[in-house]
Amino acid sequence: MADELTIHHLGRLTRATARGGDAQLKKLRNALLLKNFVIAAERENFLEFRRRAYLTQDDWPMRVIVRRNGPQFEIDCYLHIPWGWIAAFTVLMLLVLPFAGIPNAPLAFGLALVVAVLAIHNQKFDCRPDARFWQQRPRQRWGETMERLVREAFGSGG
């Protein structure tokens, strides 16, 4: 079964496809729960896990979505910027900047607006091993971790 496991980094998410059964799904589920993920949604052929941010440890929020179609599994994972963070930043930008006494308030407002637009546009990040720039270390670390967890759950003898 190990040769049927493939992992692709698609820019906004990392997708692993594998073949397996209930035992492999349970093994992956338990491994994710041990890594502080919580189950956000669970249906017959669908599982969604979320992990909160640990920013002091350079760890961003993360989601893992497992879809099952018979023996075929599709596992998507990505780090992301939550909508709540984007909304809070935007509200603070609109409420605080006008009254903050910043010498070039229009420039600061323009820069903050650019940051908000970039956060909305680049909200999700894959877990590629050669990640650069934004969230580089967490993306690389979680890419290695997720690959190991999926290989342990769906690899040969799993």
N, C-alpha and C. Protein backbone atom coordinates (compact mmCIF):
# COMPACT_ATOMS: atom_id res chain seq x y z
N MET A 1 0.80 -1.19 0.00
CA MET A 1 0.00 0.00 0.00
C MET A 1 0.85 1.26 0.00
N ALA A 2 2.07 1.20 0.42
CA ALA A 2 2.89 2.39 0.55
C ALA A 2 3.09 3.08 -0.79
N ASP A 3 3.12 2.30 -1.90
CA ASP A 3 3.34 2.91 -3.20
C ASP A 3 2.11 3.65 -3.69
N GLU A 4 0.96 3.47 -3.05
CA GLU A 4 -0.26 4.14 -3.45
C GLU A 4 -0.45 5.46 -2.71
N LEU A 5 0.49 5.84 -1.86
CA LEU A 5 0.43 7.09 -1.12
C LEU A 5 1.14 8.18 -1.92
N THR A 6 0.43 9.27 -2.21
CA THR A 6 1.03 10.40 -2.92
C THR A 6 0.75 11.68 -2.14
N ILE A 7 1.71 12.59 -2.17
CA ILE A 7 1.57 13.88 -1.49
C ILE A 7 1.92 14.98 -2.49
N HIS A 8 1.00 15.95 -2.63
CA HIS A 8 1.19 17.07 -3.55
C HIS A 8 1.01 18.38 -2.78
N HIS A 9 1.88 19.34 -3.05
CA HIS A 9 1.78 20.66 -2.45
C HIS A 9 1.19 21.58 -3.51
N LEU A 10 -0.02 22.07 -3.25
CA LEU A 10 -0.79 22.77 -4.28
C LEU A 10 -0.84 24.29 -4.06
N GLY A 11 0.09 24.85 -3.31
CA GLY A 11 0.11 26.29 -3.09
C GLY A 11 -0.70 26.72 -1.89
N ARG A 12 -1.98 26.44 -1.89
CA ARG A 12 -2.83 26.82 -0.76
C ARG A 12 -3.10 25.66 0.19
N LEU A 13 -2.81 24.46 -0.24
CA LEU A 13 -2.98 23.32 0.64
C LEU A 13 -2.09 22.18 0.19
N THR A 14 -1.85 21.27 1.11
CA THR A 14 -1.10 20.05 0.80
C THR A 14 -2.10 18.91 0.77
N ARG A 15 -2.08 18.12 -0.29
CA ARG A 15 -3.04 17.02 -0.44
C ARG A 15 -2.32 15.70 -0.52
N ALA A 16 -2.71 14.79 0.35
CA ALA A 16 -2.21 13.42 0.31
C ALA A 16 -3.36 12.51 -0.11
N THR A 17 -3.07 11.57 -1.00
CA THR A 17 -4.06 10.57 -1.38
C THR A 17 -3.49 9.21 -1.02
N ALA A 18 -4.35 8.38 -0.47
CA ALA A 18 -3.91 7.05 -0.04
C ALA A 18 -5.08 6.10 -0.11
N ARG A 19 -4.75 4.82 -0.06
CA ARG A 19 -5.77 3.78 -0.01
C ARG A 19 -5.69 3.11 1.35
N GLY A 20 -6.84 2.80 1.91
CA GLY A 20 -6.86 2.16 3.22
C GLY A 20 -8.28 1.84 3.64
N GLY A 21 -8.41 1.59 4.93
CA GLY A 21 -9.71 1.22 5.47
C GLY A 21 -9.94 1.92 6.81
N ASP A 22 -10.88 1.35 7.56
CA ASP A 22 -11.25 1.93 8.85
C ASP A 22 -10.08 1.96 9.83
N ALA A 23 -9.23 0.94 9.81
CA ALA A 23 -8.10 0.88 10.75
C ALA A 23 -7.12 2.02 10.48
N GLN A 24 -6.87 2.32 9.21
CA GLN A 24 -5.94 3.40 8.86
C GLN A 24 -6.53 4.76 9.25
N LEU A 25 -7.83 4.93 9.00
CA LEU A 25 -8.49 6.18 9.37
C LEU A 25 -8.44 6.39 10.88
N LYS A 26 -8.69 5.34 11.63
CA LYS A 26 -8.66 5.44 13.09
C LYS A 26 -7.24 5.78 13.57
N LYS A 27 -6.24 5.18 12.93
CA LYS A 27 -4.86 5.45 13.31
C LYS A 27 -4.49 6.92 13.05
N LEU A 28 -4.89 7.44 11.89
CA LEU A 28 -4.64 8.84 11.58
C LEU A 28 -5.40 9.76 12.53
N ARG A 29 -6.64 9.43 12.78
CA ARG A 29 -7.49 10.23 13.69
C ARG A 29 -6.86 10.32 15.06
N ASN A 30 -6.42 9.20 15.61
CA ASN A 30 -5.81 9.19 16.94
C ASN A 30 -4.49 9.95 16.96
N ALA A 31 -3.70 9.84 15.88
CA ALA A 31 -2.43 10.56 15.81
C ALA A 31 -2.66 12.07 15.79
N LEU A 32 -3.68 12.51 15.06
CA LEU A 32 -3.99 13.94 15.02
C LEU A 32 -4.50 14.44 16.37
N LEU A 33 -5.31 13.64 17.04
CA LEU A 33 -5.80 14.04 18.36
C LEU A 33 -4.66 14.17 19.35
N LEU A 34 -3.64 13.31 19.23
CA LEU A 34 -2.47 13.41 20.10
C LEU A 34 -1.63 14.66 19.82
N LYS A 35 -1.77 15.23 18.62
CA LYS A 35 -1.04 16.45 18.25
C LYS A 35 -1.87 17.71 18.54
N ASN A 36 -2.84 17.60 19.44
CA ASN A 36 -3.68 18.73 19.89
C ASN A 36 -4.67 19.23 18.85
N PHE A 37 -5.03 18.40 17.90
CA PHE A 37 -6.11 18.74 16.98
C PHE A 37 -7.43 18.40 17.67
N VAL A 38 -8.48 19.11 17.30
CA VAL A 38 -9.82 18.78 17.76
C VAL A 38 -10.68 18.51 16.54
N ILE A 39 -11.68 17.68 16.72
CA ILE A 39 -12.57 17.35 15.61
C ILE A 39 -13.59 18.47 15.48
N ALA A 40 -13.60 19.12 14.32
CA ALA A 40 -14.52 20.22 14.06
C ALA A 40 -15.80 19.72 13.39
N ALA A 41 -15.69 18.71 12.56
CA ALA A 41 -16.85 18.14 11.86
C ALA A 41 -16.57 16.67 11.59
N GLU A 42 -17.61 15.87 11.75
CA GLU A 42 -17.47 14.43 11.51
C GLU A 42 -18.75 13.91 10.90
N ARG A 43 -18.61 13.36 9.70
CA ARG A 43 -19.71 12.70 9.01
C ARG A 43 -19.22 11.35 8.55
N GLU A 44 -20.06 10.63 7.86
CA GLU A 44 -19.71 9.26 7.48
C GLU A 44 -18.41 9.18 6.69
N ASN A 45 -18.25 10.02 5.68
CA ASN A 45 -17.05 9.97 4.83
C ASN A 45 -16.26 11.27 4.86
N PHE A 46 -16.33 11.99 5.98
CA PHE A 46 -15.69 13.29 6.08
C PHE A 46 -15.30 13.57 7.53
N LEU A 47 -14.07 14.01 7.71
CA LEU A 47 -13.58 14.44 9.03
C LEU A 47 -12.83 15.75 8.84
N GLU A 48 -13.08 16.71 9.74
CA GLU A 48 -12.33 17.95 9.73
C GLU A 48 -11.73 18.17 11.11
N PHE A 49 -10.43 18.41 11.12
CA PHE A 49 -9.70 18.67 12.35
C PHE A 49 -9.20 20.10 12.32
N ARG A 50 -9.18 20.72 13.49
CA ARG A 50 -8.60 22.06 13.63
C ARG A 50 -7.61 22.06 14.77
N ARG A 51 -6.61 22.89 14.62
CA ARG A 51 -5.62 23.05 15.67
C ARG A 51 -5.43 24.54 15.88
N ARG A 52 -5.50 24.96 17.12
CA ARG A 52 -5.39 26.39 17.41
C ARG A 52 -3.95 26.86 17.29
N ALA A 53 -3.78 28.15 17.28
CA ALA A 53 -2.45 28.75 17.14
C ALA A 53 -1.70 28.72 18.47
N TYR A 54 -0.41 28.50 18.38
CA TYR A 54 0.50 28.65 19.50
C TYR A 54 1.58 29.62 19.02
N LEU A 55 1.21 30.90 18.93
CA LEU A 55 2.09 31.89 18.30
C LEU A 55 3.40 32.08 19.04
N THR A 56 3.41 31.89 20.36
CA THR A 56 4.67 32.03 21.09
C THR A 56 5.63 30.90 20.74
N GLN A 57 5.11 29.83 20.16
CA GLN A 57 5.94 28.70 19.74
C GLN A 57 6.09 28.68 18.22
N ASP A 58 5.75 29.80 17.56
CA ASP A 58 5.82 29.91 16.11
C ASP A 58 4.97 28.84 15.42
N ASP A 59 3.76 28.68 15.92
CA ASP A 59 2.84 27.68 15.40
C ASP A 59 1.53 28.36 15.04
N TRP A 60 1.12 28.26 13.79
CA TRP A 60 -0.08 28.93 13.31
C TRP A 60 -1.27 27.98 13.33
N PRO A 61 -2.49 28.52 13.25
CA PRO A 61 -3.67 27.64 13.19
C PRO A 61 -3.59 26.73 11.97
N MET A 62 -4.16 25.56 12.11
CA MET A 62 -4.05 24.57 11.05
C MET A 62 -5.35 23.79 10.94
N ARG A 63 -5.64 23.34 9.73
CA ARG A 63 -6.80 22.48 9.48
C ARG A 63 -6.36 21.26 8.70
N VAL A 64 -7.00 20.14 9.00
CA VAL A 64 -6.81 18.90 8.26
C VAL A 64 -8.20 18.38 7.91
N ILE A 65 -8.42 18.11 6.63
CA ILE A 65 -9.71 17.61 6.15
C ILE A 65 -9.48 16.26 5.50
N VAL A 66 -10.22 15.26 5.98
CA VAL A 66 -10.09 13.90 5.46
C VAL A 66 -11.40 13.54 4.77
N ARG A 67 -11.31 13.22 3.48
CA ARG A 67 -12.47 12.76 2.72
C ARG A 67 -12.23 11.31 2.31
N ARG A 68 -13.29 10.54 2.37
CA ARG A 68 -13.16 9.11 2.04
C ARG A 68 -14.17 8.74 0.97
N ASN A 69 -13.69 8.02 -0.03
CA ASN A 69 -14.56 7.48 -1.07
C ASN A 69 -14.19 6.01 -1.21
N GLY A 70 -14.87 5.16 -0.46
CA GLY A 70 -14.54 3.73 -0.43
C GLY A 70 -13.18 3.54 0.20
N PRO A 71 -12.26 2.87 -0.49
CA PRO A 71 -10.92 2.68 0.07
C PRO A 71 -9.97 3.86 -0.22
N GLN A 72 -10.44 4.85 -0.99
CA GLN A 72 -9.60 5.99 -1.38
C GLN A 72 -9.77 7.14 -0.38
N PHE A 73 -8.66 7.63 0.15
CA PHE A 73 -8.67 8.75 1.09
C PHE A 73 -7.98 9.95 0.47
N GLU A 74 -8.54 11.13 0.73
CA GLU A 74 -7.95 12.38 0.31
C GLU A 74 -7.79 13.23 1.57
N ILE A 75 -6.55 13.57 1.90
CA ILE A 75 -6.25 14.28 3.14
C ILE A 75 -5.66 15.64 2.78
N ASP A 76 -6.39 16.71 3.08
CA ASP A 76 -5.93 18.06 2.82
C ASP A 76 -5.49 18.69 4.13
N CYS A 77 -4.36 19.38 4.12
CA CYS A 77 -3.93 20.10 5.32
C CYS A 77 -3.33 21.44 4.91
N TYR A 78 -3.55 22.43 5.76
CA TYR A 78 -3.00 23.75 5.50
C TYR A 78 -2.97 24.58 6.77
N LEU A 79 -2.02 25.50 6.82
CA LEU A 79 -1.98 26.52 7.85
C LEU A 79 -2.78 27.70 7.32
N HIS A 80 -3.36 28.50 8.20
CA HIS A 80 -4.19 29.59 7.71
C HIS A 80 -4.21 30.77 8.68
N ILE A 81 -4.67 31.90 8.16
CA ILE A 81 -4.93 33.08 8.96
C ILE A 81 -6.44 33.11 9.19
N PRO A 82 -6.91 32.97 10.42
CA PRO A 82 -8.36 32.93 10.67
C PRO A 82 -9.05 34.23 10.29
N TRP A 83 -10.30 34.12 9.85
CA TRP A 83 -11.08 35.30 9.49
C TRP A 83 -11.22 36.24 10.68
N GLY A 84 -11.29 35.70 11.88
CA GLY A 84 -11.40 36.55 13.08
C GLY A 84 -10.20 37.47 13.24
N TRP A 85 -9.01 36.96 12.93
CA TRP A 85 -7.80 37.79 13.02
C TRP A 85 -7.84 38.91 11.98
N ILE A 86 -8.27 38.57 10.77
CA ILE A 86 -8.35 39.56 9.70
C ILE A 86 -9.38 40.63 10.05
N ALA A 87 -10.54 40.21 10.54
CA ALA A 87 -11.60 41.16 10.92
C ALA A 87 -11.15 42.05 12.08
N ALA A 88 -10.49 41.46 13.08
CA ALA A 88 -10.02 42.25 14.23
C ALA A 88 -8.98 43.28 13.78
N PHE A 89 -8.07 42.88 12.91
CA PHE A 89 -7.05 43.80 12.40
C PHE A 89 -7.71 44.95 11.64
N THR A 90 -8.69 44.63 10.81
CA THR A 90 -9.37 45.65 10.02
C THR A 90 -10.13 46.62 10.91
N VAL A 91 -10.84 46.10 11.90
CA VAL A 91 -11.58 46.97 12.83
C VAL A 91 -10.62 47.86 13.61
N LEU A 92 -9.54 47.28 14.11
CA LEU A 92 -8.55 48.10 14.82
C LEU A 92 -7.95 49.17 13.91
N MET A 93 -7.70 48.79 12.66
CA MET A 93 -7.14 49.74 11.71
C MET A 93 -8.10 50.92 11.52
N LEU A 94 -9.38 50.64 11.40
CA LEU A 94 -10.36 51.70 11.16
C LEU A 94 -10.64 52.53 12.41
N LEU A 95 -10.59 51.91 13.59
CA LEU A 95 -10.91 52.63 14.82
C LEU A 95 -9.72 53.30 15.47
N VAL A 96 -8.56 52.70 15.39
CA VAL A 96 -7.40 53.21 16.13
C VAL A 96 -6.55 54.18 15.31
N LEU A 97 -6.30 53.87 14.05
CA LEU A 97 -5.40 54.71 13.26
C LEU A 97 -5.81 56.19 13.19
N PRO A 98 -7.09 56.51 13.03
CA PRO A 98 -7.44 57.93 12.96
C PRO A 98 -7.12 58.70 14.26
N PHE A 99 -7.10 58.01 15.39
CA PHE A 99 -6.90 58.68 16.67
C PHE A 99 -5.56 58.37 17.32
N ALA A 100 -4.67 57.68 16.63
CA ALA A 100 -3.41 57.24 17.22
C ALA A 100 -2.34 58.33 17.25
N GLY A 101 -2.53 59.40 16.54
CA GLY A 101 -1.55 60.47 16.52
C GLY A 101 -0.32 60.13 15.71
N ILE A 102 -0.46 59.26 14.73
CA ILE A 102 0.66 58.88 13.87
C ILE A 102 0.89 60.03 12.88
N PRO A 103 2.15 60.48 12.71
CA PRO A 103 2.42 61.62 11.83
C PRO A 103 1.89 61.45 10.40
N ASN A 104 2.09 60.32 9.78
CA ASN A 104 1.61 60.06 8.42
C ASN A 104 0.47 59.04 8.46
N ALA A 105 -0.64 59.42 9.04
CA ALA A 105 -1.77 58.50 9.19
C ALA A 105 -2.27 57.95 7.86
N PRO A 106 -2.37 58.76 6.79
CA PRO A 106 -2.83 58.18 5.51
C PRO A 106 -1.88 57.10 4.99
N LEU A 107 -0.58 57.30 5.17
CA LEU A 107 0.38 56.29 4.74
C LEU A 107 0.23 55.01 5.59
N ALA A 108 0.11 55.18 6.90
CA ALA A 108 -0.08 54.03 7.78
C ALA A 108 -1.38 53.31 7.45
N PHE A 109 -2.44 54.07 7.16
CA PHE A 109 -3.71 53.46 6.78
C PHE A 109 -3.56 52.68 5.47
N GLY A 110 -2.85 53.25 4.49
CA GLY A 110 -2.63 52.57 3.22
C GLY A 110 -1.84 51.28 3.40
N LEU A 111 -0.80 51.33 4.23
CA LEU A 111 -0.01 50.11 4.49
C LEU A 111 -0.84 49.05 5.21
N ALA A 112 -1.64 49.48 6.18
CA ALA A 112 -2.50 48.53 6.89
C ALA A 112 -3.53 47.92 5.95
N LEU A 113 -4.04 48.72 5.03
CA LEU A 113 -5.00 48.21 4.05
C LEU A 113 -4.34 47.17 3.14
N VAL A 114 -3.11 47.43 2.72
CA VAL A 114 -2.37 46.47 1.89
C VAL A 114 -2.16 45.16 2.66
N VAL A 115 -1.80 45.26 3.94
CA VAL A 115 -1.61 44.06 4.77
C VAL A 115 -2.91 43.27 4.88
N ALA A 116 -4.04 43.95 5.09
CA ALA A 116 -5.33 43.26 5.19
C ALA A 116 -5.69 42.57 3.88
N VAL A 117 -5.46 43.23 2.76
CA VAL A 117 -5.76 42.63 1.45
C VAL A 117 -4.87 41.42 1.21
N LEU A 118 -3.58 41.51 1.55
CA LEU A 118 -2.68 40.37 1.38
C LEU A 118 -3.10 39.20 2.29
N ALA A 119 -3.53 39.50 3.50
CA ALA A 119 -3.97 38.44 4.42
C ALA A 119 -5.21 37.73 3.87
N ILE A 120 -6.11 38.49 3.27
CA ILE A 120 -7.31 37.87 2.69
C ILE A 120 -6.93 37.04 1.46
N HIS A 121 -6.07 37.58 0.62
CA HIS A 121 -5.68 36.88 -0.61
C HIS A 121 -4.87 35.62 -0.31
N ASN A 122 -3.94 35.70 0.63
CA ASN A 122 -3.07 34.56 0.97
C ASN A 122 -3.47 33.97 2.32
N GLN A 123 -4.71 33.62 2.46
CA GLN A 123 -5.20 33.15 3.76
C GLN A 123 -4.74 31.74 4.10
N LYS A 124 -4.57 30.89 3.10
CA LYS A 124 -4.17 29.50 3.33
C LYS A 124 -2.78 29.26 2.80
N PHE A 125 -2.04 28.37 3.48
CA PHE A 125 -0.67 28.06 3.09
C PHE A 125 -0.45 26.56 3.16
N ASP A 126 0.15 26.00 2.10
CA ASP A 126 0.44 24.58 2.10
C ASP A 126 1.61 24.28 3.05
N CYS A 127 1.93 23.01 3.18
CA CYS A 127 2.98 22.57 4.11
C CYS A 127 4.17 22.01 3.34
N ARG A 128 4.66 22.74 2.38
CA ARG A 128 5.74 22.25 1.53
C ARG A 128 7.08 22.27 2.27
N PRO A 129 7.95 21.31 1.97
CA PRO A 129 9.26 21.25 2.64
C PRO A 129 10.20 22.38 2.22
N ASP A 130 9.97 22.99 1.05
CA ASP A 130 10.83 24.08 0.61
C ASP A 130 10.12 25.44 0.72
N ALA A 131 9.23 25.56 1.71
CA ALA A 131 8.48 26.80 1.91
C ALA A 131 9.44 27.96 2.16
N ARG A 132 9.06 29.12 1.64
CA ARG A 132 9.86 30.32 1.83
C ARG A 132 8.93 31.45 2.24
N PHE A 133 9.50 32.46 2.81
CA PHE A 133 8.80 33.68 3.18
C PHE A 133 7.80 33.44 4.30
N TRP A 134 6.52 33.63 4.04
CA TRP A 134 5.48 33.63 5.07
C TRP A 134 5.36 32.27 5.77
N GLN A 135 5.47 32.27 7.06
CA GLN A 135 5.31 31.07 7.89
C GLN A 135 6.24 29.94 7.47
N GLN A 136 7.44 30.24 7.12
CA GLN A 136 8.38 29.26 6.57
C GLN A 136 8.61 28.08 7.51
N ARG A 137 9.06 28.33 8.73
CA ARG A 137 9.39 27.23 9.64
C ARG A 137 8.18 26.39 10.03
N PRO A 138 7.04 27.01 10.40
CA PRO A 138 5.88 26.17 10.72
C PRO A 138 5.40 25.34 9.54
N ARG A 139 5.44 25.89 8.34
CA ARG A 139 5.01 25.15 7.15
C ARG A 139 5.91 23.95 6.91
N GLN A 140 7.22 24.14 7.03
CA GLN A 140 8.16 23.04 6.84
C GLN A 140 7.99 21.99 7.93
N ARG A 141 7.88 22.45 9.16
CA ARG A 141 7.74 21.52 10.30
C ARG A 141 6.46 20.71 10.19
N TRP A 142 5.34 21.37 9.88
CA TRP A 142 4.08 20.64 9.77
C TRP A 142 4.02 19.77 8.52
N GLY A 143 4.74 20.16 7.48
CA GLY A 143 4.81 19.30 6.30
C GLY A 143 5.47 17.98 6.63
N GLU A 144 6.59 18.05 7.36
CA GLU A 144 7.28 16.82 7.78
C GLU A 144 6.41 16.00 8.73
N THR A 145 5.77 16.68 9.68
CA THR A 145 4.93 15.98 10.65
C THR A 145 3.75 15.29 9.98
N MET A 146 3.05 16.01 9.10
CA MET A 146 1.88 15.42 8.45
C MET A 146 2.27 14.28 7.52
N GLU A 147 3.38 14.42 6.82
CA GLU A 147 3.84 13.33 5.96
C GLU A 147 4.14 12.09 6.79
N ARG A 148 4.79 12.28 7.92
CA ARG A 148 5.11 11.15 8.79
C ARG A 148 3.84 10.51 9.33
N LEU A 149 2.88 11.30 9.79
CA LEU A 149 1.62 10.76 10.33
C LEU A 149 0.84 9.99 9.27
N VAL A 150 0.78 10.54 8.06
CA VAL A 150 0.03 9.86 6.99
C VAL A 150 0.75 8.58 6.58
N ARG A 151 2.08 8.64 6.49
CA ARG A 151 2.83 7.42 6.13
C ARG A 151 2.69 6.35 7.21
N GLU A 152 2.71 6.73 8.48
CA GLU A 152 2.54 5.76 9.56
C GLU A 152 1.14 5.14 9.54
N ALA A 153 0.13 5.95 9.23
CA ALA A 153 -1.24 5.45 9.22
C ALA A 153 -1.55 4.63 7.97
N PHE A 154 -1.08 5.07 6.81
CA PHE A 154 -1.45 4.42 5.56
C PHE A 154 -0.32 3.66 4.90
N GLY A 155 0.85 3.64 5.51
CA GLY A 155 1.98 2.93 4.92
C GLY A 155 1.80 1.45 4.98
N SER A 156 2.77 0.71 4.47
CA SER A 156 2.70 -0.74 4.45
C SER A 156 2.67 -1.28 5.87
N GLY A 157 1.83 -2.22 6.08
CA GLY A 157 1.67 -2.84 7.40
C GLY A 157 0.81 -2.02 8.33
N GLY A 158 0.30 -0.81 7.87
CA GLY A 158 -0.51 0.09 8.69
C GLY A 158 -1.86 -0.44 8.82
